[in-house]
Amino acid sequence: MILSFIFFMILFLGGFWVMGISFGLPDFQALVFIGGLLLICISLAFMMREGRSGATRRSKNWDGGPAAS
């Protein structure tokens, strides 16, 4: 759990760094900015999924029965 947190924190902060350096590049500013944004989104999505109770996991599906996972 701690190692995954450290890994995803590096992805999160690295995404901010990539977004920051995109403004200083002469070419491909938009692509680098979008890459940084994707790094942030991926790190947040995986961290929510890997949480203690799994914020994106459901214990029951829509019909009330147990989820097939």
PDB file of N, CA and C in Angstrom:
ATOM      1  N   MET A   1       0.827  -1.192   0.000  1.00  0.00           N
ATOM      2  CA  MET A   1       0.000   0.000   0.000  1.00  0.00           C
ATOM      3  C   MET A   1       0.874   1.259   0.000  1.00  0.00           C
ATOM      4  N   ILE A   2       1.900   1.261   0.822  1.00  0.00           N
ATOM      5  CA  ILE A   2       2.779   2.426   0.898  1.00  0.00           C
ATOM      6  C   ILE A   2       3.549   2.608  -0.410  1.00  0.00           C
ATOM      7  N   LEU A   3       4.024   1.501  -0.982  1.00  0.00           N
ATOM      8  CA  LEU A   3       4.778   1.604  -2.237  1.00  0.00           C
ATOM      9  C   LEU A   3       3.892   2.088  -3.370  1.00  0.00           C
ATOM     10  N   SER A   4       2.648   1.632  -3.406  1.00  0.00           N
ATOM     11  CA  SER A   4       1.755   2.117  -4.460  1.00  0.00           C
ATOM     12  C   SER A   4       1.446   3.595  -4.263  1.00  0.00           C
ATOM     13  N   PHE A   5       1.312   4.025  -3.001  1.00  0.00           N
ATOM     14  CA  PHE A   5       1.077   5.446  -2.732  1.00  0.00           C
ATOM     15  C   PHE A   5       2.258   6.286  -3.212  1.00  0.00           C
ATOM     16  N   ILE A   6       3.473   5.839  -2.928  1.00  0.00           N
ATOM     17  CA  ILE A   6       4.662   6.575  -3.353  1.00  0.00           C
ATOM     18  C   ILE A   6       4.735   6.622  -4.880  1.00  0.00           C
ATOM     19  N   PHE A   7       4.452   5.499  -5.522  1.00  0.00           N
ATOM     20  CA  PHE A   7       4.471   5.449  -6.991  1.00  0.00           C
ATOM     21  C   PHE A   7       3.446   6.407  -7.581  1.00  0.00           C
ATOM     22  N   PHE A   8       2.222   6.403  -7.067  1.00  0.00           N
ATOM     23  CA  PHE A   8       1.189   7.258  -7.616  1.00  0.00           C
ATOM     24  C   PHE A   8       1.405   8.719  -7.246  1.00  0.00           C
ATOM     25  N   MET A   9       2.051   8.990  -6.125  1.00  0.00           N
ATOM     26  CA  MET A   9       2.383  10.372  -5.779  1.00  0.00           C
ATOM     27  C   MET A   9       3.448  10.912  -6.736  1.00  0.00           C
ATOM     28  N   ILE A  10       4.398  10.058  -7.110  1.00  0.00           N
ATOM     29  CA  ILE A  10       5.396  10.477  -8.094  1.00  0.00           C
ATOM     30  C   ILE A  10       4.724  10.759  -9.435  1.00  0.00           C
ATOM     31  N   LEU A  11       3.769   9.909  -9.830  1.00  0.00           N
ATOM     32  CA  LEU A  11       3.026  10.167 -11.064  1.00  0.00           C
ATOM     33  C   LEU A  11       2.255  11.475 -10.973  1.00  0.00           C
ATOM     34  N   PHE A  12       1.615  11.722  -9.841  1.00  0.00           N
ATOM     35  CA  PHE A  12       0.807  12.924  -9.652  1.00  0.00           C
ATOM     36  C   PHE A  12       1.665  14.186  -9.737  1.00  0.00           C
ATOM     37  N   LEU A  13       2.741  14.218  -8.965  1.00  0.00           N
ATOM     38  CA  LEU A  13       3.617  15.394  -8.980  1.00  0.00           C
ATOM     39  C   LEU A  13       4.362  15.519 -10.309  1.00  0.00           C
ATOM     40  N   GLY A  14       4.710  14.387 -10.911  1.00  0.00           N
ATOM     41  CA  GLY A  14       5.343  14.420 -12.221  1.00  0.00           C
ATOM     42  C   GLY A  14       4.417  14.991 -13.281  1.00  0.00           C
ATOM     43  N   GLY A  15       3.130  14.726 -13.154  1.00  0.00           N
ATOM     44  CA  GLY A  15       2.167  15.304 -14.079  1.00  0.00           C
ATOM     45  C   GLY A  15       2.123  16.813 -13.983  1.00  0.00           C
ATOM     46  N   PHE A  16       2.177  17.330 -12.743  1.00  0.00           N
ATOM     47  CA  PHE A  16       2.229  18.791 -12.574  1.00  0.00           C
ATOM     48  C   PHE A  16       3.509  19.363 -13.170  1.00  0.00           C
ATOM     49  N   TRP A  17       4.611  18.655 -12.979  1.00  0.00           N
ATOM     50  CA  TRP A  17       5.885  19.125 -13.511  1.00  0.00           C
ATOM     51  C   TRP A  17       5.855  19.154 -15.040  1.00  0.00           C
ATOM     52  N   VAL A  18       5.310  18.086 -15.651  1.00  0.00           N
ATOM     53  CA  VAL A  18       5.227  18.029 -17.107  1.00  0.00           C
ATOM     54  C   VAL A  18       4.326  19.137 -17.630  1.00  0.00           C
ATOM     55  N   MET A  19       3.212  19.385 -16.940  1.00  0.00           N
ATOM     56  CA  MET A  19       2.330  20.472 -17.360  1.00  0.00           C
ATOM     57  C   MET A  19       3.046  21.820 -17.241  1.00  0.00           C
ATOM     58  N   GLY A  20       3.868  21.970 -16.236  1.00  0.00           N
ATOM     59  CA  GLY A  20       4.586  23.226 -16.039  1.00  0.00           C
ATOM     60  C   GLY A  20       5.638  23.491 -17.091  1.00  0.00           C
ATOM     61  N   ILE A  21       6.367  22.452 -17.487  1.00  0.00           N
ATOM     62  CA  ILE A  21       7.414  22.674 -18.484  1.00  0.00           C
ATOM     63  C   ILE A  21       6.841  22.812 -19.890  1.00  0.00           C
ATOM     64  N   SER A  22       5.583  22.431 -20.082  1.00  0.00           N
ATOM     65  CA  SER A  22       5.012  22.506 -21.433  1.00  0.00           C
ATOM     66  C   SER A  22       4.931  23.942 -21.942  1.00  0.00           C
ATOM     67  N   PHE A  23       4.824  24.909 -21.042  1.00  0.00           N
ATOM     68  CA  PHE A  23       4.705  26.300 -21.473  1.00  0.00           C
ATOM     69  C   PHE A  23       6.035  26.860 -21.985  1.00  0.00           C
ATOM     70  N   GLY A  24       7.128  26.256 -21.616  1.00  0.00           N
ATOM     71  CA  GLY A  24       8.427  26.731 -22.063  1.00  0.00           C
ATOM     72  C   GLY A  24       8.935  26.066 -23.326  1.00  0.00           C
ATOM     73  N   LEU A  25       8.226  25.099 -23.835  1.00  0.00           N
ATOM     74  CA  LEU A  25       8.672  24.385 -25.030  1.00  0.00           C
ATOM     75  C   LEU A  25       8.268  25.136 -26.290  1.00  0.00           C
ATOM     76  N   PRO A  26       9.152  25.163 -27.284  1.00  0.00           N
ATOM     77  CA  PRO A  26       8.788  25.854 -28.528  1.00  0.00           C
ATOM     78  C   PRO A  26       7.808  25.051 -29.383  1.00  0.00           C
ATOM     79  N   ASP A  27       7.894  23.732 -29.342  1.00  0.00           N
ATOM     80  CA  ASP A  27       7.030  22.872 -30.155  1.00  0.00           C
ATOM     81  C   ASP A  27       6.284  21.879 -29.259  1.00  0.00           C
ATOM     82  N   PHE A  28       5.148  21.441 -29.719  1.00  0.00           N
ATOM     83  CA  PHE A  28       4.360  20.401 -29.068  1.00  0.00           C
ATOM     84  C   PHE A  28       3.918  20.770 -27.651  1.00  0.00           C
ATOM     85  N   GLN A  29       3.594  22.019 -27.414  1.00  0.00           N
ATOM     86  CA  GLN A  29       3.155  22.443 -26.089  1.00  0.00           C
ATOM     87  C   GLN A  29       1.869  21.735 -25.679  1.00  0.00           C
ATOM     88  N   ALA A  30       0.933  21.650 -26.608  1.00  0.00           N
ATOM     89  CA  ALA A  30      -0.362  21.051 -26.286  1.00  0.00           C
ATOM     90  C   ALA A  30      -0.228  19.566 -25.968  1.00  0.00           C
ATOM     91  N   LEU A  31       0.597  18.853 -26.728  1.00  0.00           N
ATOM     92  CA  LEU A  31       0.756  17.417 -26.496  1.00  0.00           C
ATOM     93  C   LEU A  31       1.416  17.136 -25.147  1.00  0.00           C
ATOM     94  N   VAL A  32       2.408  17.921 -24.802  1.00  0.00           N
ATOM     95  CA  VAL A  32       3.080  17.731 -23.517  1.00  0.00           C
ATOM     96  C   VAL A  32       2.129  18.083 -22.373  1.00  0.00           C
ATOM     97  N   PHE A  33       1.339  19.136 -22.533  1.00  0.00           N
ATOM     98  CA  PHE A  33       0.364  19.511 -21.509  1.00  0.00           C
ATOM     99  C   PHE A  33      -0.671  18.411 -21.315  1.00  0.00           C
ATOM    100  N   ILE A  34      -1.170  17.863 -22.418  1.00  0.00           N
ATOM    101  CA  ILE A  34      -2.150  16.779 -22.334  1.00  0.00           C
ATOM    102  C   ILE A  34      -1.525  15.539 -21.698  1.00  0.00           C
ATOM    103  N   GLY A  35      -0.263  15.285 -21.985  1.00  0.00           N
ATOM    104  CA  GLY A  35       0.433  14.168 -21.342  1.00  0.00           C
ATOM    105  C   GLY A  35       0.513  14.336 -19.833  1.00  0.00           C
ATOM    106  N   GLY A  36       0.809  15.549 -19.380  1.00  0.00           N
ATOM    107  CA  GLY A  36       0.828  15.807 -17.946  1.00  0.00           C
ATOM    108  C   GLY A  36      -0.537  15.658 -17.318  1.00  0.00           C
ATOM    109  N   LEU A  37      -1.553  16.115 -18.029  1.00  0.00           N
ATOM    110  CA  LEU A  37      -2.917  15.974 -17.533  1.00  0.00           C
ATOM    111  C   LEU A  37      -3.316  14.509 -17.433  1.00  0.00           C
ATOM    112  N   LEU A  38      -2.914  13.716 -18.405  1.00  0.00           N
ATOM    113  CA  LEU A  38      -3.196  12.285 -18.356  1.00  0.00           C
ATOM    114  C   LEU A  38      -2.465  11.598 -17.206  1.00  0.00           C
ATOM    115  N   LEU A  39      -1.232  12.013 -16.928  1.00  0.00           N
ATOM    116  CA  LEU A  39      -0.514  11.449 -15.779  1.00  0.00           C
ATOM    117  C   LEU A  39      -1.259  11.712 -14.475  1.00  0.00           C
ATOM    118  N   ILE A  40      -1.772  12.920 -14.324  1.00  0.00           N
ATOM    119  CA  ILE A  40      -2.514  13.262 -13.113  1.00  0.00           C
ATOM    120  C   ILE A  40      -3.795  12.441 -13.020  1.00  0.00           C
ATOM    121  N   CYS A  41      -4.512  12.338 -14.125  1.00  0.00           N
ATOM    122  CA  CYS A  41      -5.769  11.581 -14.121  1.00  0.00           C
ATOM    123  C   CYS A  41      -5.538  10.103 -13.821  1.00  0.00           C
ATOM    124  N   ILE A  42      -4.497   9.530 -14.415  1.00  0.00           N
ATOM    125  CA  ILE A  42      -4.195   8.119 -14.182  1.00  0.00           C
ATOM    126  C   ILE A  42      -3.806   7.889 -12.729  1.00  0.00           C
ATOM    127  N   SER A  43      -3.003   8.784 -12.165  1.00  0.00           N
ATOM    128  CA  SER A  43      -2.587   8.594 -10.777  1.00  0.00           C
ATOM    129  C   SER A  43      -3.778   8.702  -9.826  1.00  0.00           C
ATOM    130  N   LEU A  44      -4.679   9.631 -10.081  1.00  0.00           N
ATOM    131  CA  LEU A  44      -5.866   9.750  -9.219  1.00  0.00           C
ATOM    132  C   LEU A  44      -6.790   8.546  -9.372  1.00  0.00           C
ATOM    133  N   ALA A  45      -6.986   8.069 -10.589  1.00  0.00           N
ATOM    134  CA  ALA A  45      -7.868   6.931 -10.813  1.00  0.00           C
ATOM    135  C   ALA A  45      -7.329   5.673 -10.136  1.00  0.00           C
ATOM    136  N   PHE A  46      -6.045   5.411 -10.285  1.00  0.00           N
ATOM    137  CA  PHE A  46      -5.476   4.226  -9.656  1.00  0.00           C
ATOM    138  C   PHE A  46      -5.452   4.339  -8.137  1.00  0.00           C
ATOM    139  N   MET A  47      -5.226   5.533  -7.615  1.00  0.00           N
ATOM    140  CA  MET A  47      -5.205   5.690  -6.164  1.00  0.00           C
ATOM    141  C   MET A  47      -6.596   5.476  -5.577  1.00  0.00           C
ATOM    142  N   MET A  48      -7.623   5.951  -6.266  1.00  0.00           N
ATOM    143  CA  MET A  48      -8.986   5.708  -5.789  1.00  0.00           C
ATOM    144  C   MET A  48      -9.328   4.224  -5.863  1.00  0.00           C
ATOM    145  N   ARG A  49      -8.843   3.563  -6.889  1.00  0.00           N
ATOM    146  CA  ARG A  49      -9.141   2.135  -7.030  1.00  0.00           C
ATOM    147  C   ARG A  49      -8.382   1.295  -6.010  1.00  0.00           C
ATOM    148  N   GLU A  50      -7.179   1.695  -5.661  1.00  0.00           N
ATOM    149  CA  GLU A  50      -6.349   0.924  -4.746  1.00  0.00           C
ATOM    150  C   GLU A  50      -6.577   1.281  -3.291  1.00  0.00           C
ATOM    151  N   GLY A  51      -7.480   2.165  -3.007  1.00  0.00           N
ATOM    152  CA  GLY A  51      -7.721   2.594  -1.626  1.00  0.00           C
ATOM    153  C   GLY A  51      -8.108   1.454  -0.713  1.00  0.00           C
ATOM    154  N   ARG A  52      -8.194   1.737   0.556  1.00  0.00           N
ATOM    155  CA  ARG A  52      -8.459   0.710   1.554  1.00  0.00           C
ATOM    156  C   ARG A  52      -9.759  -0.031   1.271  1.00  0.00           C
ATOM    157  N   SER A  53     -10.818   0.717   1.012  1.00  0.00           N
ATOM    158  CA  SER A  53     -12.090   0.057   0.700  1.00  0.00           C
ATOM    159  C   SER A  53     -12.356   0.061  -0.794  1.00  0.00           C
ATOM    160  N   GLY A  54     -11.532   0.707  -1.575  1.00  0.00           N
ATOM    161  CA  GLY A  54     -11.729   0.766  -3.011  1.00  0.00           C
ATOM    162  C   GLY A  54     -12.882   1.693  -3.356  1.00  0.00           C
ATOM    163  N   ALA A  55     -12.619   2.964  -3.507  1.00  0.00           N
ATOM    164  CA  ALA A  55     -13.675   3.951  -3.700  1.00  0.00           C
ATOM    165  C   ALA A  55     -14.473   3.697  -4.966  1.00  0.00           C
ATOM    166  N   THR A  56     -13.896   3.001  -5.947  1.00  0.00           N
ATOM    167  CA  THR A  56     -14.627   2.755  -7.181  1.00  0.00           C
ATOM    168  C   THR A  56     -15.171   1.338  -7.257  1.00  0.00           C
ATOM    169  N   ARG A  57     -14.972   0.559  -6.218  1.00  0.00           N
ATOM    170  CA  ARG A  57     -15.511  -0.804  -6.207  1.00  0.00           C
ATOM    171  C   ARG A  57     -16.858  -0.797  -5.503  1.00  0.00           C
ATOM    172  N   ARG A  58     -17.764  -1.598  -6.007  1.00  0.00           N
ATOM    173  CA  ARG A  58     -19.084  -1.702  -5.391  1.00  0.00           C
ATOM    174  C   ARG A  58     -19.234  -3.083  -4.770  1.00  0.00           C
ATOM    175  N   SER A  59     -19.808  -3.117  -3.573  1.00  0.00           N
ATOM    176  CA  SER A  59     -20.038  -4.406  -2.937  1.00  0.00           C
ATOM    177  C   SER A  59     -21.322  -5.041  -3.447  1.00  0.00           C
ATOM    178  N   LYS A  60     -22.222  -4.230  -3.989  1.00  0.00           N
ATOM    179  CA  LYS A  60     -23.467  -4.747  -4.549  1.00  0.00           C
ATOM    180  C   LYS A  60     -23.691  -4.142  -5.919  1.00  0.00           C
ATOM    181  N   ASN A  61     -24.272  -4.919  -6.808  1.00  0.00           N
ATOM    182  CA  ASN A  61     -24.597  -4.369  -8.111  1.00  0.00           C
ATOM    183  C   ASN A  61     -26.007  -3.779  -8.068  1.00  0.00           C
ATOM    184  N   TRP A  62     -26.543  -3.372  -9.205  1.00  0.00           N
ATOM    185  CA  TRP A  62     -27.801  -2.629  -9.222  1.00  0.00           C
ATOM    186  C   TRP A  62     -29.004  -3.438  -8.752  1.00  0.00           C
ATOM    187  N   ASP A  63     -28.999  -4.748  -8.933  1.00  0.00           N
ATOM    188  CA  ASP A  63     -30.167  -5.534  -8.519  1.00  0.00           C
ATOM    189  C   ASP A  63     -30.103  -5.965  -7.060  1.00  0.00           C
ATOM    190  N   GLY A  64     -29.064  -5.573  -6.358  1.00  0.00           N
ATOM    191  CA  GLY A  64     -28.972  -5.880  -4.928  1.00  0.00           C
ATOM    192  C   GLY A  64     -28.218  -7.134  -4.614  1.00  0.00           C
ATOM    193  N   GLY A  65     -27.894  -7.925  -5.631  1.00  0.00           N
ATOM    194  CA  GLY A  65     -27.134  -9.148  -5.416  1.00  0.00           C
ATOM    195  C   GLY A  65     -25.649  -8.868  -5.327  1.00  0.00           C
ATOM    196  N   PRO A  66     -24.870  -9.875  -4.947  1.00  0.00           N
ATOM    197  CA  PRO A  66     -23.424  -9.667  -4.866  1.00  0.00           C
ATOM    198  C   PRO A  66     -22.813  -9.433  -6.242  1.00  0.00           C
ATOM    199  N   ALA A  67     -21.803  -8.597  -6.282  1.00  0.00           N
ATOM    200  CA  ALA A  67     -21.142  -8.270  -7.541  1.00  0.00           C
ATOM    201  C   ALA A  67     -20.264  -9.432  -7.964  1.00  0.00           C
ATOM    202  N   ALA A  68     -20.201  -9.684  -9.253  1.00  0.00           N
ATOM    203  CA  ALA A  68     -19.358 -10.745  -9.780  1.00  0.00           C
ATOM    204  C   ALA A  68     -17.997 -10.183 -10.140  1.00  0.00           C
ATOM    205  N   SER A  69     -17.076 -10.226  -9.180  1.00  0.00           N
ATOM    206  CA  SER A  69     -15.742  -9.701  -9.466  1.00  0.00           C
ATOM    207  C   SER A  69     -14.664 -10.671  -9.101  1.00  0.00           C
TER     208      SER A  69
END
